[in-house]
Protein backbone atom coordinates (compact mmCIF):
# COMPACT_ATOMS: atom_id res chain seq x y z
CA MET A 1 71.74 -23.04 18.80
CA SER A 2 73.39 -24.94 21.61
CA MET A 3 71.19 -27.74 22.94
CA ASP A 4 72.81 -27.69 26.39
CA SER A 5 71.29 -24.34 27.35
CA ASN A 6 67.65 -24.01 28.34
CA ILE A 7 65.68 -21.61 26.11
CA PHE A 8 63.55 -20.35 29.01
CA GLU A 9 66.58 -19.69 31.21
CA ARG A 10 68.17 -17.66 28.38
CA MET A 11 64.97 -15.68 27.93
CA MET A 12 64.73 -15.06 31.68
CA ARG A 13 68.27 -13.69 31.73
CA LYS A 14 67.45 -11.33 28.87
CA ASN A 15 64.08 -10.23 30.28
CA ARG A 16 64.76 -7.03 32.19
CA ILE A 17 61.46 -5.33 31.36
CA PHE A 18 58.81 -6.86 33.62
CA LYS A 19 59.12 -7.24 37.35
CA ASN A 20 55.46 -8.36 37.66
CA ARG A 21 53.24 -8.02 34.58
CA ASP A 22 50.16 -9.35 36.42
CA VAL A 23 49.63 -5.98 38.12
CA LEU A 24 48.72 -4.59 34.67
CA ARG A 25 45.93 -7.14 34.13
CA HIS A 26 42.23 -6.44 34.73
CA SER A 27 41.98 -9.16 37.38
CA TYR A 28 44.48 -7.42 39.70
CA THR A 29 42.99 -5.44 42.59
CA PRO A 30 45.51 -2.89 43.94
CA GLU A 31 45.82 -2.04 47.61
CA ASN A 32 45.12 1.60 46.76
CA LEU A 33 42.64 2.88 44.14
CA PRO A 34 43.55 6.40 42.98
CA HIS A 35 40.68 8.84 42.38
CA ARG A 36 37.96 6.55 43.68
CA ARG A 37 37.93 7.59 47.35
CA LYS A 38 34.40 9.05 47.13
CA GLN A 39 32.96 5.89 45.54
CA ILE A 40 34.80 3.65 48.02
CA GLU A 41 33.45 5.55 51.03
CA THR A 42 29.91 5.67 49.61
CA LEU A 43 29.89 1.92 48.97
CA ALA A 44 31.39 1.21 52.39
CA SER A 45 28.71 3.33 54.08
CA PHE A 46 25.99 1.31 52.34
CA LEU A 47 27.56 -1.98 53.52
CA LEU A 48 28.39 -0.84 57.08
CA PRO A 49 25.13 -2.24 58.59
CA ALA A 50 26.48 -5.75 57.86
CA LEU A 51 29.02 -5.32 60.66
CA ASN A 52 26.19 -4.50 63.07
CA GLY A 53 24.21 -7.61 62.18
CA GLU A 54 21.79 -5.61 60.03
CA THR A 55 20.77 -6.02 56.38
CA PRO A 56 22.61 -3.69 53.95
CA SER A 57 20.69 -2.11 51.09
CA ASN A 58 20.89 -3.60 47.62
CA ILE A 59 23.15 -1.50 45.42
CA LEU A 60 23.51 -0.87 41.68
CA VAL A 61 26.90 0.34 40.44
CA TYR A 62 27.02 2.04 37.03
CA GLY A 63 29.79 3.36 34.80
CA LYS A 64 31.47 2.85 31.46
CA THR A 65 34.08 0.14 30.91
CA GLY A 66 37.35 0.81 32.70
CA THR A 67 36.05 3.27 35.29
CA GLY A 68 37.06 1.14 38.29
CA LYS A 69 33.67 -0.34 39.22
CA THR A 70 34.74 -3.97 39.67
CA ALA A 71 38.06 -3.08 41.31
CA THR A 72 36.27 -0.80 43.80
CA VAL A 73 33.61 -3.39 44.70
CA LYS A 74 36.26 -6.11 45.16
CA TYR A 75 38.44 -3.75 47.22
CA VAL A 76 35.57 -2.76 49.53
CA GLY A 77 34.38 -6.37 49.74
CA LYS A 78 37.84 -7.51 50.83
CA GLN A 79 37.95 -4.77 53.49
CA LEU A 80 34.47 -5.75 54.72
CA GLU A 81 35.46 -9.40 55.17
CA GLU A 82 38.64 -8.33 56.98
CA ALA A 83 36.70 -6.05 59.34
CA GLY A 84 34.22 -8.89 59.94
CA ARG A 85 37.00 -11.24 60.98
CA ASN A 86 38.44 -8.66 63.37
CA LEU A 87 35.03 -8.02 64.94
CA LYS A 88 34.06 -11.73 64.98
CA VAL A 89 31.13 -10.97 62.65
CA ASN A 90 30.28 -13.29 59.77
CA CYS A 91 30.41 -11.21 56.56
CA TYR A 92 31.15 -12.91 53.23
CA VAL A 93 31.29 -11.57 49.68
CA HIS A 94 30.59 -13.87 46.73
CA TYR A 95 31.58 -12.49 43.31
CA LEU A 96 29.95 -13.79 40.09
CA ASN A 97 30.72 -12.66 36.55
CA CYS A 98 27.40 -12.81 34.67
CA GLU A 99 29.13 -12.75 31.31
CA ILE A 100 30.03 -16.37 32.13
CA ILE A 101 27.41 -17.29 34.74
CA ASP A 102 24.53 -15.98 32.66
CA THR A 103 21.39 -17.96 33.60
CA GLN A 104 19.27 -18.25 36.73
CA TYR A 105 20.29 -21.89 37.20
CA ARG A 106 24.02 -21.18 36.87
CA VAL A 107 23.85 -18.27 39.31
CA LEU A 108 22.06 -20.36 41.93
CA ALA A 109 24.23 -23.46 41.38
CA THR A 110 27.44 -21.40 41.62
CA LEU A 111 26.24 -19.79 44.86
CA ALA A 112 25.29 -23.18 46.26
CA LYS A 113 28.78 -24.54 45.52
CA ALA A 114 30.41 -21.46 47.08
CA LEU A 115 28.30 -22.06 50.18
CA GLY A 116 29.44 -25.69 50.42
CA ARG A 117 26.47 -27.46 48.85
CA ASN A 118 27.01 -30.22 46.26
CA VAL A 119 24.74 -29.03 43.45
CA PRO A 120 25.29 -30.08 39.80
CA MET A 121 25.65 -27.32 37.18
CA THR A 122 22.71 -28.84 35.25
CA GLY A 123 19.85 -31.23 35.84
CA TRP A 124 18.04 -30.16 39.00
CA PRO A 125 14.77 -28.19 39.10
CA THR A 126 15.59 -24.51 39.65
CA ASP A 127 13.32 -24.36 42.70
CA GLN A 128 15.34 -27.15 44.33
CA VAL A 129 18.62 -25.31 43.73
CA TYR A 130 17.12 -22.12 45.18
CA GLU A 131 16.10 -24.03 48.32
CA GLU A 132 19.67 -25.34 48.68
CA VAL A 133 21.03 -21.78 48.44
CA LYS A 134 18.49 -20.43 50.92
CA ASN A 135 19.11 -23.21 53.45
CA ALA A 136 22.90 -22.87 53.15
CA ILE A 137 22.72 -19.13 53.76
CA ASP A 138 20.38 -19.53 56.74
CA GLU A 139 22.52 -22.13 58.54
CA LYS A 140 24.06 -19.46 60.77
CA ASP A 141 23.97 -15.79 61.70
CA GLN A 142 25.77 -14.18 58.76
CA THR A 143 25.57 -11.52 56.06
CA ILE A 144 26.13 -12.61 52.46
CA ILE A 145 26.94 -9.99 49.83
CA ILE A 146 26.26 -11.32 46.32
CA VAL A 147 28.10 -9.35 43.62
CA LEU A 148 26.67 -9.76 40.12
CA ASP A 149 29.17 -8.21 37.70
CA GLU A 150 27.90 -7.51 34.15
CA ILE A 151 24.40 -7.91 35.60
CA ASP A 152 22.87 -6.67 32.33
CA LYS A 153 24.08 -9.87 30.60
CA LEU A 154 22.05 -11.89 33.11
CA VAL A 155 18.96 -9.67 32.90
CA ARG A 156 18.71 -10.01 29.12
CA LYS A 157 17.96 -13.72 29.67
CA GLY A 158 15.36 -13.05 32.36
CA ASP A 159 15.12 -11.40 35.76
CA GLU A 160 13.65 -14.33 37.74
CA VAL A 161 16.85 -14.88 39.72
CA LEU A 162 16.97 -11.20 40.72
CA TYR A 163 13.32 -11.35 41.72
CA ASN A 164 14.04 -14.34 43.98
CA LEU A 165 17.31 -13.11 45.47
CA SER A 166 16.02 -9.58 46.10
CA ARG A 167 13.21 -11.08 48.20
CA ILE A 168 15.15 -13.87 49.91
CA ASN A 169 15.50 -11.93 53.18
CA SER A 170 11.79 -12.39 53.90
CA GLU A 171 12.41 -16.18 53.99
CA LEU A 172 15.53 -16.11 56.17
CA LYS A 173 15.53 -16.44 59.97
CA ASN A 174 19.22 -16.19 60.86
CA ALA A 175 21.04 -14.60 57.92
CA ARG A 176 20.88 -11.56 55.70
CA VAL A 177 21.56 -11.05 51.97
CA SER A 178 22.52 -7.96 50.00
CA ILE A 179 22.96 -7.77 46.22
CA ILE A 180 25.44 -5.54 44.40
CA GLY A 181 24.83 -5.31 40.65
CA ILE A 182 27.56 -3.87 38.40
CA SER A 183 26.70 -2.69 34.88
CA ASN A 184 28.16 -0.70 31.98
CA ASP A 185 24.62 -0.10 30.69
CA LEU A 186 22.70 2.71 32.35
CA LYS A 187 19.53 1.54 30.57
CA PHE A 188 19.60 -2.08 31.65
CA LYS A 189 16.80 -1.48 34.18
CA ASN A 190 14.47 -1.16 31.19
CA PHE A 191 14.63 -4.97 30.99
CA LEU A 192 13.52 -5.42 34.62
CA ASP A 193 10.09 -6.08 36.01
CA PRO A 194 8.96 -2.99 38.04
CA ARG A 195 8.72 -5.21 41.16
CA VAL A 196 12.41 -6.14 40.79
CA ILE A 197 13.43 -2.51 40.24
CA SER A 198 11.69 -1.41 43.44
CA SER A 199 13.57 -3.92 45.60
CA LEU A 200 16.89 -4.11 43.77
CA SER A 201 17.90 -0.50 43.19
CA GLU A 202 17.67 0.78 46.75
CA GLU A 203 21.00 2.60 46.35
CA GLU A 204 22.94 3.59 43.22
CA ILE A 205 26.53 4.68 42.63
CA VAL A 206 27.70 6.15 39.31
CA PHE A 207 31.39 5.99 38.35
CA PRO A 208 32.55 8.86 36.10
CA PRO A 209 35.25 8.27 33.44
CA TYR A 210 38.87 9.05 34.33
CA ASN A 211 40.57 12.03 32.70
CA ALA A 212 44.09 11.85 31.25
CA GLU A 213 45.73 13.17 34.43
CA GLN A 214 43.95 10.59 36.60
CA LEU A 215 44.89 7.80 34.18
CA GLN A 216 48.53 8.88 34.47
CA ASP A 217 48.35 8.51 38.26
CA ILE A 218 46.92 4.98 37.87
CA LEU A 219 49.62 4.00 35.36
CA ILE A 220 52.43 5.45 37.50
CA GLN A 221 51.20 3.44 40.50
CA ARG A 222 51.05 0.17 38.52
CA ALA A 223 54.27 0.81 36.56
CA GLU A 224 56.28 0.98 39.80
CA LEU A 225 55.13 -2.57 40.57
CA ALA A 226 55.18 -3.91 37.01
CA PHE A 227 58.53 -2.78 35.57
CA TYR A 228 62.16 -2.65 36.53
CA GLU A 229 63.47 0.83 37.21
CA GLY A 230 64.49 2.89 34.19
CA VAL A 231 62.83 0.82 31.43
CA LEU A 232 60.07 3.35 30.63
CA ASP A 233 60.78 6.35 28.42
CA GLU A 234 59.37 9.45 30.09
CA ASP A 235 56.66 10.06 27.48
CA VAL A 236 55.24 6.49 27.48
CA ILE A 237 52.84 6.87 30.42
CA PRO A 238 51.49 10.30 29.32
CA TYR A 239 50.99 8.90 25.80
CA CYS A 240 49.13 5.78 27.03
CA ALA A 241 46.97 7.95 29.31
CA ALA A 242 46.13 10.39 26.51
CA LEU A 243 45.11 7.58 24.15
CA ALA A 244 42.92 5.93 26.81
CA ALA A 245 41.34 9.27 27.78
CA GLN A 246 40.06 9.50 24.20
CA GLU A 247 38.34 6.11 24.79
CA HIS A 248 35.93 7.47 27.45
CA GLY A 249 38.62 7.46 30.17
CA ASP A 250 39.07 3.70 30.06
CA ALA A 251 41.68 2.59 32.62
CA ARG A 252 41.61 -0.96 31.23
CA LYS A 253 42.62 0.37 27.82
CA ALA A 254 45.46 2.35 29.43
CA LEU A 255 46.72 -0.70 31.35
CA ASP A 256 46.45 -2.93 28.25
CA LEU A 257 48.47 -0.42 26.22
CA LEU A 258 51.21 -0.27 28.84
CA ARG A 259 51.39 -4.07 29.23
CA VAL A 260 51.36 -4.84 25.49
CA SER A 261 53.95 -2.10 24.87
CA GLY A 262 56.20 -3.85 27.40
CA GLU A 263 55.60 -7.24 25.77
CA ILE A 264 56.53 -5.86 22.35
CA ALA A 265 59.70 -4.27 23.76
CA GLU A 266 60.49 -7.60 25.42
CA MET A 267 60.08 -9.54 22.14
CA GLU A 268 62.39 -7.06 20.42
CA ASN A 269 65.00 -7.49 23.19
CA SER A 270 64.79 -3.76 23.81
CA ASP A 271 66.11 -2.28 27.05
CA LYS A 272 63.49 0.49 26.94
CA ILE A 273 59.76 0.84 26.30
CA THR A 274 59.30 3.72 23.87
CA ARG A 275 56.49 5.67 22.23
CA GLU A 276 56.98 3.51 19.12
CA HIS A 277 56.25 0.42 21.19
CA VAL A 278 52.99 2.05 22.32
CA LYS A 279 52.03 2.74 18.68
CA ALA A 280 52.72 -0.91 17.86
CA ALA A 281 50.61 -1.93 20.87
CA VAL A 282 47.67 0.13 19.58
CA ARG A 283 47.82 -1.72 16.25
CA LYS A 284 48.08 -5.12 17.96
CA ILE A 285 45.20 -4.50 20.38
CA GLU A 286 42.93 -3.23 17.62
CA ALA A 287 43.75 -6.30 15.51
CA ASP A 288 43.10 -8.62 18.48
CA HIS A 289 39.71 -6.98 19.11
CA VAL A 290 38.69 -7.42 15.48
CA ILE A 291 39.76 -11.08 15.47
CA GLU A 292 37.76 -11.74 18.65
CA ALA A 293 34.73 -9.97 17.16
CA VAL A 294 34.94 -12.13 14.02
CA ARG A 295 35.29 -15.29 16.10
CA THR A 296 31.91 -14.64 17.74
CA LEU A 297 30.01 -13.81 14.52
CA PRO A 298 27.14 -16.09 13.41
CA THR A 299 27.99 -18.63 10.70
CA GLN A 300 26.06 -16.83 7.94
CA THR A 301 27.82 -13.53 8.72
CA LYS A 302 31.19 -15.29 8.62
CA LEU A 303 30.30 -16.70 5.20
CA VAL A 304 29.38 -13.24 3.87
CA LEU A 305 32.70 -11.91 5.20
CA TYR A 306 34.53 -14.87 3.66
CA SER A 307 32.95 -14.01 0.28
CA ILE A 308 34.39 -10.47 0.55
CA ILE A 309 37.83 -11.89 1.42
CA LEU A 310 37.74 -14.21 -1.61
CA LEU A 311 36.89 -11.30 -3.90
CA HIS A 312 39.65 -9.24 -2.27
CA GLU A 313 42.24 -12.01 -2.73
CA ASN A 314 41.27 -12.37 -6.37
CA GLY A 315 41.83 -8.74 -7.25
CA LYS A 316 38.42 -7.22 -6.41
CA ARG A 317 39.54 -4.61 -3.88
CA LYS A 318 36.11 -2.96 -4.14
CA SER A 319 33.05 -5.17 -4.57
CA THR A 320 29.34 -4.48 -4.92
CA THR A 321 26.60 -6.07 -2.84
CA GLY A 322 25.55 -8.09 -5.88
CA GLU A 323 29.05 -9.49 -6.41
CA VAL A 324 29.37 -10.46 -2.74
CA TYR A 325 25.93 -12.05 -2.85
CA ALA A 326 26.79 -14.04 -5.97
CA VAL A 327 29.85 -15.59 -4.31
CA TYR A 328 27.95 -16.10 -1.04
CA ARG A 329 25.16 -17.99 -2.88
CA SER A 330 27.70 -20.24 -4.55
CA LEU A 331 29.41 -21.05 -1.23
CA CYS A 332 26.08 -21.81 0.46
CA LYS A 333 25.21 -24.29 -2.29
CA ARG A 334 28.56 -26.06 -1.96
CA LEU A 335 28.21 -26.21 1.84
CA SER A 336 24.51 -27.20 1.71
CA LEU A 337 23.58 -24.19 3.86
CA ASP A 338 20.38 -22.15 3.69
CA ILE A 339 20.71 -19.16 1.36
CA LEU A 340 19.63 -15.84 2.86
CA THR A 341 17.90 -13.23 0.72
CA GLN A 342 19.97 -10.43 -0.79
CA ARG A 343 18.17 -7.95 1.47
CA ARG A 344 19.22 -9.93 4.57
CA VAL A 345 22.81 -10.18 3.32
CA SER A 346 22.74 -6.42 2.83
CA ASP A 347 21.76 -6.09 6.52
CA LEU A 348 24.71 -8.33 7.51
CA LEU A 349 27.03 -6.12 5.46
CA SER A 350 25.75 -3.10 7.40
CA GLU A 351 26.56 -4.90 10.66
CA LEU A 352 30.10 -5.71 9.46
CA ASP A 353 30.49 -2.05 8.52
CA MET A 354 29.42 -0.96 12.01
CA LEU A 355 32.02 -3.32 13.52
CA GLY A 356 34.72 -1.67 11.40
CA ILE A 357 35.58 -4.91 9.60
CA ILE A 358 34.54 -3.58 6.18
CA ASN A 359 34.10 -0.11 4.77
CA SER A 360 31.05 0.37 2.61
CA ILE A 361 29.61 3.41 0.85
CA ILE A 362 26.49 3.85 -1.26
CA ILE A 363 27.31 4.90 -4.83
CA SER A 364 25.00 5.94 -7.67
CA LYS A 365 24.90 3.91 -10.88
CA GLY A 366 22.87 6.53 -12.69
CA ARG A 367 19.83 5.02 -14.40
CA TYR A 368 20.83 1.61 -12.95
CA GLY A 369 20.09 2.84 -9.43
CA ARG A 370 22.35 2.74 -6.38
CA THR A 371 24.56 0.03 -4.95
CA ARG A 372 26.89 -0.48 -2.02
CA GLU A 373 30.63 -0.47 -2.70
CA ILE A 374 32.42 -2.73 -0.22
CA GLN A 375 36.06 -2.76 0.80
CA LEU A 376 37.82 -4.95 3.38
CA ASP A 377 39.07 -2.70 6.20
CA VAL A 378 41.21 -5.24 8.10
CA PRO A 379 44.07 -7.61 7.14
CA ALA A 380 42.58 -10.52 5.19
CA LYS A 381 44.74 -13.45 6.36
CA PRO A 382 44.13 -13.43 10.16
CA ILE A 383 40.39 -12.88 9.60
CA LYS A 384 40.29 -15.72 7.07
CA ASP A 385 42.11 -18.03 9.50
CA VAL A 386 39.55 -17.29 12.25
CA ILE A 387 36.65 -18.03 9.88
CA LEU A 388 38.20 -21.34 8.80
CA ASP A 389 38.58 -22.30 12.49
CA ASP A 390 34.78 -22.55 12.67
CA TYR A 391 34.03 -26.29 12.45
CA ARG A 392 30.82 -25.53 10.53
CA LEU A 393 32.87 -23.96 7.75
CA GLU A 394 35.89 -26.30 7.77
CA ALA A 395 34.82 -27.72 4.37
CA LEU A 396 35.91 -24.38 2.86
CA LYS A 397 39.55 -25.43 3.32
CA LYS A 398 39.08 -28.28 0.84
CA MET A 399 37.51 -25.99 -1.76
CA GLU A 400 40.19 -23.28 -1.85
CA LYS A 401 41.80 -24.48 -5.08
CA SER A 402 38.54 -24.05 -6.98
CA PHE A 403 37.69 -20.60 -5.59
CA ARG A 404 39.34 -18.60 -8.38
CA SER A 405 37.15 -20.21 -11.03
CA ILE A 406 34.07 -19.97 -8.75
CA ILE A 407 34.59 -16.24 -8.28
CA THR A 408 35.30 -15.58 -11.97
CA LEU A 409 32.12 -17.40 -13.01
CA GLU A 410 29.87 -15.97 -10.29
CA VAL A 411 30.97 -12.37 -10.82
CA PHE A 412 30.64 -12.83 -14.58
CA ASP A 413 27.13 -14.24 -14.11
CA TYR A 414 26.19 -11.39 -11.79
CA THR A 415 27.51 -8.78 -14.21
CA ASN A 416 25.48 -10.35 -16.99
CA GLN A 417 22.37 -10.72 -14.76
CA LYS A 418 22.26 -14.50 -15.14
CA PHE A 419 21.83 -15.76 -11.59
């Protein structure tokens, strides 16, 4: 390879797939939202009083993942702020993702910072932070719309912040506040105090899933912005839309498939995105989801999964609960970790089965009773690498050479009922 040519410049010259891949990401809000006109107009009608100096109702927005809830709320919020500027009315929308900002303190501190107050992210009494938020809001005649996306994640840790914010208008003299909660979980209100429900859910909007035809329209709109002309085979968009329609009409899944298909075509130096690239994208996305799920597992569950991987790598393609437990016990002893009971480990195996990481079936052993037969259902190496990335399990790397003898002895002991 010549050292006088820049690798990125060469790649840029070859890259004739993407014109702007960012329009296929979840964070992008398009200027036009196909098939959401009804929801847009309903939300806008609820927020219209803000432009007349009145207090809008609080609103709950429901719908499954990828049904356009966040994009619609951001789109309408942007239009509201624009209309406010044109009419010389102070209307501001503050968006918070409660998957990240997931406690009462963080919500209040983030709002305070957005409103220009210097509040630390930890350390102050919550009441003091609330006072800062209230005073900042009430400094002038204005309407503040607080959007709490993934509101169910916040509610599971307590609804005090919703209780306070939903009643803040009674303490304000100059300003007004409206809350928009966005949730994938139609049942999340079960976690709320009845007093919060009565004040929070004044209006509700439900977003239905997209069908395959609607998903095609969304993909066509984004593809025109994302790709150079002529790079998409004609069956790519219908195929992506059909696959996503099977996943509860998830537009995010459809956009991910299209983007990853393009990235795979790009890596292969292909001039076209084909159906085969979409199939490869499906496999990659599924693998990425599994890896992310494993990364967030508790340490004990990771160790149970690691025991299955060790058995798999040493020729045991199908293991019993007892064999997995025998290896798990041995690893716990070597790592000086608490050893869970076999019943609890059996529960963890059921959870791994539900996640699709292992496949387990109950088989009869005749007069010896029944047992669970366990098989790894995902590629072993990437899962193993993720587990070993956990600093609490890093000592496993140093033990790898001795694992074959550990497994042989532990499985032998289990088979002979010696442990």
